[in-house]
PDB file of N, CA and C in Angstrom:
ATOM      1  N   UNK A   1       0.932  -1.121  -0.023  1.00  0.00           N
ATOM      2  CA  UNK A   1      -0.119  -0.034   0.152  1.00  0.00           C
ATOM      3  C   UNK A   1       0.818   1.130  -0.108  1.00  0.00           C
ATOM      4  N   UNK A   2       0.454   2.242  -0.809  1.00  0.00           N
ATOM      5  CA  UNK A   2       1.218   3.636  -0.737  1.00  0.00           C
ATOM      6  C   UNK A   2       0.469   4.434   0.264  1.00  0.00           C
ATOM      7  N   UNK A   3       1.318   4.892   1.313  1.00  0.00           N
ATOM      8  CA  UNK A   3       0.579   5.891   2.198  1.00  0.00           C
ATOM      9  C   UNK A   3       1.336   7.016   2.335  1.00  0.00           C
ATOM     10  N   UNK A   4       0.436   8.274   2.565  1.00  0.00           N
ATOM     11  CA  UNK A   4       0.946   9.576   2.770  1.00  0.00           C
ATOM     12  C   UNK A   4       0.728   9.813   4.295  1.00  0.00           C
ATOM     13  N   UNK A   5       1.959  10.167   4.796  1.00  0.00           N
ATOM     14  CA  UNK A   5       2.196  10.361   6.339  1.00  0.00           C
ATOM     15  C   UNK A   5       2.484  11.888   6.750  1.00  0.00           C
ATOM     16  N   UNK A   6       1.926  12.387   7.550  1.00  0.00           N
ATOM     17  CA  UNK A   6       2.159  13.603   8.114  1.00  0.00           C
ATOM     18  C   UNK A   6       2.929  13.342   9.583  1.00  0.00           C
ATOM     19  N   UNK A   7       3.876  14.290   9.920  1.00  0.00           N
ATOM     20  CA  UNK A   7       4.638  13.977  11.181  1.00  0.00           C
ATOM     21  C   UNK A   7       5.590  12.875  11.290  1.00  0.00           C
ATOM     22  N   UNK A   8       6.070  12.530  10.092  1.00  0.00           N
ATOM     23  CA  UNK A   8       6.981  11.328   9.972  1.00  0.00           C
ATOM     24  C   UNK A   8       8.132  11.595  10.853  1.00  0.00           C
ATOM     25  N   UNK A   9       8.629  12.914  11.102  1.00  0.00           N
ATOM     26  CA  UNK A   9       9.818  13.122  11.712  1.00  0.00           C
ATOM     27  C   UNK A   9       9.624  13.441  13.168  1.00  0.00           C
ATOM     28  N   UNK A  10       8.717  13.110  13.770  1.00  0.00           N
ATOM     29  CA  UNK A  10       8.137  13.572  15.126  1.00  0.00           C
ATOM     30  C   UNK A  10       8.238  12.155  15.782  1.00  0.00           C
ATOM     31  N   UNK A  11       7.983  12.222  17.287  1.00  0.00           N
ATOM     32  CA  UNK A  11       8.072  10.899  18.017  1.00  0.00           C
ATOM     33  C   UNK A  11       7.191   9.813  17.588  1.00  0.00           C
ATOM     34  N   UNK A  12       5.694  10.142  17.453  1.00  0.00           N
ATOM     35  CA  UNK A  12       4.779   9.068  17.080  1.00  0.00           C
ATOM     36  C   UNK A  12       4.995   9.107  15.467  1.00  0.00           C
ATOM     37  N   UNK A  13       5.016  10.013  14.770  1.00  0.00           N
ATOM     38  CA  UNK A  13       5.040   9.608  13.343  1.00  0.00           C
ATOM     39  C   UNK A  13       6.040   8.945  12.832  1.00  0.00           C
ATOM     40  N   UNK A  14       7.450   8.994  13.454  1.00  0.00           N
ATOM     41  CA  UNK A  14       8.504   8.080  13.088  1.00  0.00           C
ATOM     42  C   UNK A  14       8.254   6.709  13.580  1.00  0.00           C
ATOM     43  N   UNK A  15       7.545   6.414  14.657  1.00  0.00           N
ATOM     44  CA  UNK A  15       7.084   4.970  14.953  1.00  0.00           C
ATOM     45  C   UNK A  15       6.124   4.423  13.968  1.00  0.00           C
ATOM     46  N   UNK A  16       5.321   5.239  13.596  1.00  0.00           N
ATOM     47  CA  UNK A  16       4.322   4.702  12.483  1.00  0.00           C
ATOM     48  C   UNK A  16       4.955   4.439  11.173  1.00  0.00           C
ATOM     49  N   UNK A  17       5.868   5.550  10.847  1.00  0.00           N
ATOM     50  CA  UNK A  17       6.511   5.432   9.694  1.00  0.00           C
ATOM     51  C   UNK A  17       7.491   4.060   9.648  1.00  0.00           C
ATOM     52  N   UNK A  18       8.140   3.724  10.747  1.00  0.00           N
ATOM     53  CA  UNK A  18       8.898   2.324  10.768  1.00  0.00           C
ATOM     54  C   UNK A  18       7.927   1.190  10.669  1.00  0.00           C
ATOM     55  N   UNK A  19       6.844   1.145  11.363  1.00  0.00           N
ATOM     56  CA  UNK A  19       5.713   0.090  11.231  1.00  0.00           C
ATOM     57  C   UNK A  19       5.407  -0.163   9.811  1.00  0.00           C
ATOM     58  N   UNK A  20       5.109   1.057   9.021  1.00  0.00           N
ATOM     59  CA  UNK A  20       4.492   1.173   7.864  1.00  0.00           C
ATOM     60  C   UNK A  20       5.719   0.390   6.796  1.00  0.00           C
ATOM     61  N   UNK A  21       6.914   0.865   7.002  1.00  0.00           N
ATOM     62  CA  UNK A  21       8.008   0.470   6.102  1.00  0.00           C
ATOM     63  C   UNK A  21       8.343  -1.203   6.557  1.00  0.00           C
ATOM     64  N   UNK A  22       8.238  -1.475   7.638  1.00  0.00           N
ATOM     65  CA  UNK A  22       8.492  -2.931   8.141  1.00  0.00           C
ATOM     66  C   UNK A  22       7.374  -3.780   7.577  1.00  0.00           C
ATOM     67  N   UNK A  23       6.307  -3.312   7.205  1.00  0.00           N
ATOM     68  CA  UNK A  23       5.199  -3.940   6.806  1.00  0.00           C
ATOM     69  C   UNK A  23       5.107  -4.072   5.269  1.00  0.00           C
ATOM     70  N   UNK A  24       6.290  -3.478   4.540  1.00  0.00           N
ATOM     71  CA  UNK A  24       6.262  -3.443   3.263  1.00  0.00           C
ATOM     72  C   UNK A  24       5.541  -2.367   2.363  1.00  0.00           C
ATOM     73  N   UNK A  25       5.096  -1.443   3.094  1.00  0.00           N
ATOM     74  CA  UNK A  25       4.339  -0.223   2.435  1.00  0.00           C
ATOM     75  C   UNK A  25       5.160   0.626   1.834  1.00  0.00           C
ATOM     76  N   UNK A  26       4.942   1.551   1.095  1.00  0.00           N
ATOM     77  CA  UNK A  26       5.799   2.618   0.395  1.00  0.00           C
ATOM     78  C   UNK A  26       5.157   3.715   1.253  1.00  0.00           C
ATOM     79  N   UNK A  27       6.059   4.755   1.739  1.00  0.00           N
ATOM     80  CA  UNK A  27       5.605   5.953   2.632  1.00  0.00           C
ATOM     81  C   UNK A  27       5.991   7.234   1.871  1.00  0.00           C
ATOM     82  N   UNK A  28       5.059   8.022   1.589  1.00  0.00           N
ATOM     83  CA  UNK A  28       5.610   9.429   1.059  1.00  0.00           C
ATOM     84  C   UNK A  28       5.137  10.226   2.408  1.00  0.00           C
ATOM     85  N   UNK A  29       6.135  11.067   2.892  1.00  0.00           N
ATOM     86  CA  UNK A  29       6.013  11.891   3.978  1.00  0.00           C
ATOM     87  C   UNK A  29       6.144  13.206   3.796  1.00  0.00           C
ATOM     88  N   UNK A  30       5.236  14.138   4.444  1.00  0.00           N
ATOM     89  CA  UNK A  30       5.165  15.589   4.490  1.00  0.00           C
ATOM     90  C   UNK A  30       6.589  16.171   4.942  1.00  0.00           C
ATOM     91  N   UNK A  31       7.277  16.996   4.225  1.00  0.00           N
ATOM     92  CA  UNK A  31       8.458  17.548   4.693  1.00  0.00           C
ATOM     93  C   UNK A  31       8.340  19.190   4.402  1.00  0.00           C
ATOM     94  N   UNK A  32       8.304  19.635   5.771  1.00  0.00           N
ATOM     95  CA  UNK A  32       8.033  21.202   5.825  1.00  0.00           C
ATOM     96  C   UNK A  32       9.483  21.903   5.639  1.00  0.00           C
ATOM     97  N   UNK A  33      10.659  21.179   5.627  1.00  0.00           N
ATOM     98  CA  UNK A  33      11.838  21.979   5.655  1.00  0.00           C
ATOM     99  C   UNK A  33      12.982  21.037   4.776  1.00  0.00           C
ATOM    100  N   UNK A  34      14.058  21.667   4.386  1.00  0.00           N
ATOM    101  CA  UNK A  34      15.066  20.926   3.562  1.00  0.00           C
ATOM    102  C   UNK A  34      15.767  19.781   4.548  1.00  0.00           C
ATOM    103  N   UNK A  35      15.761  20.114   5.875  1.00  0.00           N
ATOM    104  CA  UNK A  35      16.303  19.197   6.851  1.00  0.00           C
ATOM    105  C   UNK A  35      15.223  17.972   7.037  1.00  0.00           C
ATOM    106  N   UNK A  36      14.046  18.190   6.988  1.00  0.00           N
ATOM    107  CA  UNK A  36      13.132  17.191   7.306  1.00  0.00           C
ATOM    108  C   UNK A  36      13.031  16.273   5.779  1.00  0.00           C
ATOM    109  N   UNK A  37      13.255  17.022   4.796  1.00  0.00           N
ATOM    110  CA  UNK A  37      13.150  16.221   3.642  1.00  0.00           C
ATOM    111  C   UNK A  37      14.497  15.387   3.676  1.00  0.00           C
ATOM    112  N   UNK A  38      15.653  15.595   4.173  1.00  0.00           N
ATOM    113  CA  UNK A  38      16.723  14.803   4.307  1.00  0.00           C
ATOM    114  C   UNK A  38      16.442  13.545   5.292  1.00  0.00           C
ATOM    115  N   UNK A  39      15.973  14.018   6.393  1.00  0.00           N
ATOM    116  CA  UNK A  39      15.628  12.876   7.343  1.00  0.00           C
ATOM    117  C   UNK A  39      14.521  11.921   6.860  1.00  0.00           C
ATOM    118  N   UNK A  40      13.704  12.406   6.119  1.00  0.00           N
ATOM    119  CA  UNK A  40      12.506  11.580   5.601  1.00  0.00           C
ATOM    120  C   UNK A  40      13.510  10.601   4.554  1.00  0.00           C
ATOM    121  N   UNK A  41      14.343  10.913   3.563  1.00  0.00           N
ATOM    122  CA  UNK A  41      15.117  10.265   2.598  1.00  0.00           C
ATOM    123  C   UNK A  41      15.734   9.256   3.281  1.00  0.00           C
ATOM    124  N   UNK A  42      16.688   9.670   4.483  1.00  0.00           N
ATOM    125  CA  UNK A  42      17.403   8.812   5.036  1.00  0.00           C
ATOM    126  C   UNK A  42      16.767   7.731   5.877  1.00  0.00           C
ATOM    127  N   UNK A  43      15.429   7.905   6.125  1.00  0.00           N
ATOM    128  CA  UNK A  43      14.559   6.844   6.697  1.00  0.00           C
ATOM    129  C   UNK A  43      13.877   5.943   5.664  1.00  0.00           C
ATOM    130  N   UNK A  44      14.310   6.223   4.441  1.00  0.00           N
ATOM    131  CA  UNK A  44      13.636   5.240   3.418  1.00  0.00           C
ATOM    132  C   UNK A  44      12.369   5.800   2.933  1.00  0.00           C
ATOM    133  N   UNK A  45      11.976   6.873   3.103  1.00  0.00           N
ATOM    134  CA  UNK A  45      10.529   7.285   2.480  1.00  0.00           C
ATOM    135  C   UNK A  45      10.783   8.395   1.554  1.00  0.00           C
ATOM    136  N   UNK A  46       9.683   8.834   1.037  1.00  0.00           N
ATOM    137  CA  UNK A  46       9.767   9.755  -0.153  1.00  0.00           C
ATOM    138  C   UNK A  46       9.319  11.088   0.333  1.00  0.00           C
ATOM    139  N   UNK A  47      10.289  11.932   0.290  1.00  0.00           N
ATOM    140  CA  UNK A  47       9.625  13.424   0.871  1.00  0.00           C
ATOM    141  C   UNK A  47       8.696  14.175   0.011  1.00  0.00           C
ATOM    142  N   UNK A  48       7.737  14.732   0.697  1.00  0.00           N
ATOM    143  CA  UNK A  48       6.601  15.521  -0.384  1.00  0.00           C
ATOM    144  C   UNK A  48       6.745  16.861   0.417  1.00  0.00           C
ATOM    145  N   UNK A  49       7.433  17.934  -0.320  1.00  0.00           N
ATOM    146  CA  UNK A  49       7.365  19.253   0.184  1.00  0.00           C
ATOM    147  C   UNK A  49       5.964  19.749   0.253  1.00  0.00           C
ATOM    148  N   UNK A  50       5.630  20.737   1.474  1.00  0.00           N
ATOM    149  CA  UNK A  50       4.164  20.967   1.539  1.00  0.00           C
ATOM    150  C   UNK A  50       4.094  21.634   3.022  1.00  0.00           C
ATOM    151  N   UNK A  51       2.925  22.082   3.255  1.00  0.00           N
ATOM    152  CA  UNK A  51       2.663  22.761   4.459  1.00  0.00           C
ATOM    153  C   UNK A  51       1.240  22.451   4.785  1.00  0.00           C
ATOM    154  N   UNK A  52       0.881  22.031   6.024  1.00  0.00           N
ATOM    155  CA  UNK A  52      -0.654  21.695   6.554  1.00  0.00           C
ATOM    156  C   UNK A  52      -1.291  23.129   6.644  1.00  0.00           C
ATOM    157  N   UNK A  53      -0.840  24.214   6.680  1.00  0.00           N
ATOM    158  CA  UNK A  53      -1.278  25.491   6.564  1.00  0.00           C
ATOM    159  C   UNK A  53      -1.851  25.755   4.983  1.00  0.00           C
ATOM    160  N   UNK A  54      -1.230  25.093   4.045  1.00  0.00           N
ATOM    161  CA  UNK A  54      -1.870  25.416   2.733  1.00  0.00           C
ATOM    162  C   UNK A  54      -2.170  23.928   2.109  1.00  0.00           C
ATOM    163  N   UNK A  55      -3.478  23.442   2.527  1.00  0.00           N
ATOM    164  CA  UNK A  55      -3.872  22.218   2.181  1.00  0.00           C
ATOM    165  C   UNK A  55      -3.850  21.937   0.618  1.00  0.00           C
ATOM    166  N   UNK A  56      -3.867  22.964  -0.182  1.00  0.00           N
ATOM    167  CA  UNK A  56      -3.654  22.789  -1.601  1.00  0.00           C
ATOM    168  C   UNK A  56      -2.366  22.390  -2.052  1.00  0.00           C
ATOM    169  N   UNK A  57      -1.434  22.522  -1.141  1.00  0.00           N
ATOM    170  CA  UNK A  57       0.192  21.910  -1.630  1.00  0.00           C
ATOM    171  C   UNK A  57      -0.005  20.319  -1.071  1.00  0.00           C
ATOM    172  N   UNK A  58      -1.005  19.881  -0.685  1.00  0.00           N
ATOM    173  CA  UNK A  58      -1.094  18.260  -0.365  1.00  0.00           C
ATOM    174  C   UNK A  58      -1.978  17.601  -1.238  1.00  0.00           C
ATOM    175  N   UNK A  59      -2.637  18.591  -2.157  1.00  0.00           N
ATOM    176  CA  UNK A  59      -3.800  17.691  -2.786  1.00  0.00           C
ATOM    177  C   UNK A  59      -3.229  16.695  -3.814  1.00  0.00           C
ATOM    178  N   UNK A  60      -2.184  17.056  -4.763  1.00  0.00           N
ATOM    179  CA  UNK A  60      -1.528  16.210  -5.743  1.00  0.00           C
ATOM    180  C   UNK A  60      -1.036  15.011  -4.954  1.00  0.00           C
ATOM    181  N   UNK A  61       0.012  15.184  -3.947  1.00  0.00           N
ATOM    182  CA  UNK A  61       0.503  13.951  -3.368  1.00  0.00           C
ATOM    183  C   UNK A  61      -0.571  13.132  -2.783  1.00  0.00           C
ATOM    184  N   UNK A  62      -1.577  13.535  -2.198  1.00  0.00           N
ATOM    185  CA  UNK A  62      -2.593  12.757  -1.736  1.00  0.00           C
ATOM    186  C   UNK A  62      -3.351  11.952  -2.658  1.00  0.00           C
ATOM    187  N   UNK A  63      -3.477  12.434  -3.891  1.00  0.00           N
ATOM    188  CA  UNK A  63      -4.053  11.572  -4.932  1.00  0.00           C
ATOM    189  C   UNK A  63      -3.158  10.565  -5.520  1.00  0.00           C
ATOM    190  N   UNK A  64      -2.016  10.559  -5.291  1.00  0.00           N
ATOM    191  CA  UNK A  64      -0.983   9.646  -5.497  1.00  0.00           C
ATOM    192  C   UNK A  64      -0.912   8.235  -4.637  1.00  0.00           C
ATOM    193  N   UNK A  65      -1.635   8.306  -3.699  1.00  0.00           N
ATOM    194  CA  UNK A  65      -1.344   7.131  -2.456  1.00  0.00           C
ATOM    195  C   UNK A  65      -2.773   6.479  -2.337  1.00  0.00           C
ATOM    196  N   UNK A  66      -2.751   5.388  -1.841  1.00  0.00           N
ATOM    197  CA  UNK A  66      -3.904   4.590  -1.401  1.00  0.00           C
ATOM    198  C   UNK A  66      -4.721   5.107  -0.183  1.00  0.00           C
TER     199      UNK A  66
END
């Protein structure tokens, strides 16, 4: 399953991301900064630049996941 995850660099989100990846899922994760993009990449996920304050920035990435 392809999953879009917000908060993947946080305490709970990173645990969720680990569980999803361990389960064989593909994870695209919201990245609000270049540092977060690198952390997400290093964690085996695909970073998606965007901001929760601008929901339109998330529309396209969310259509590409299950």
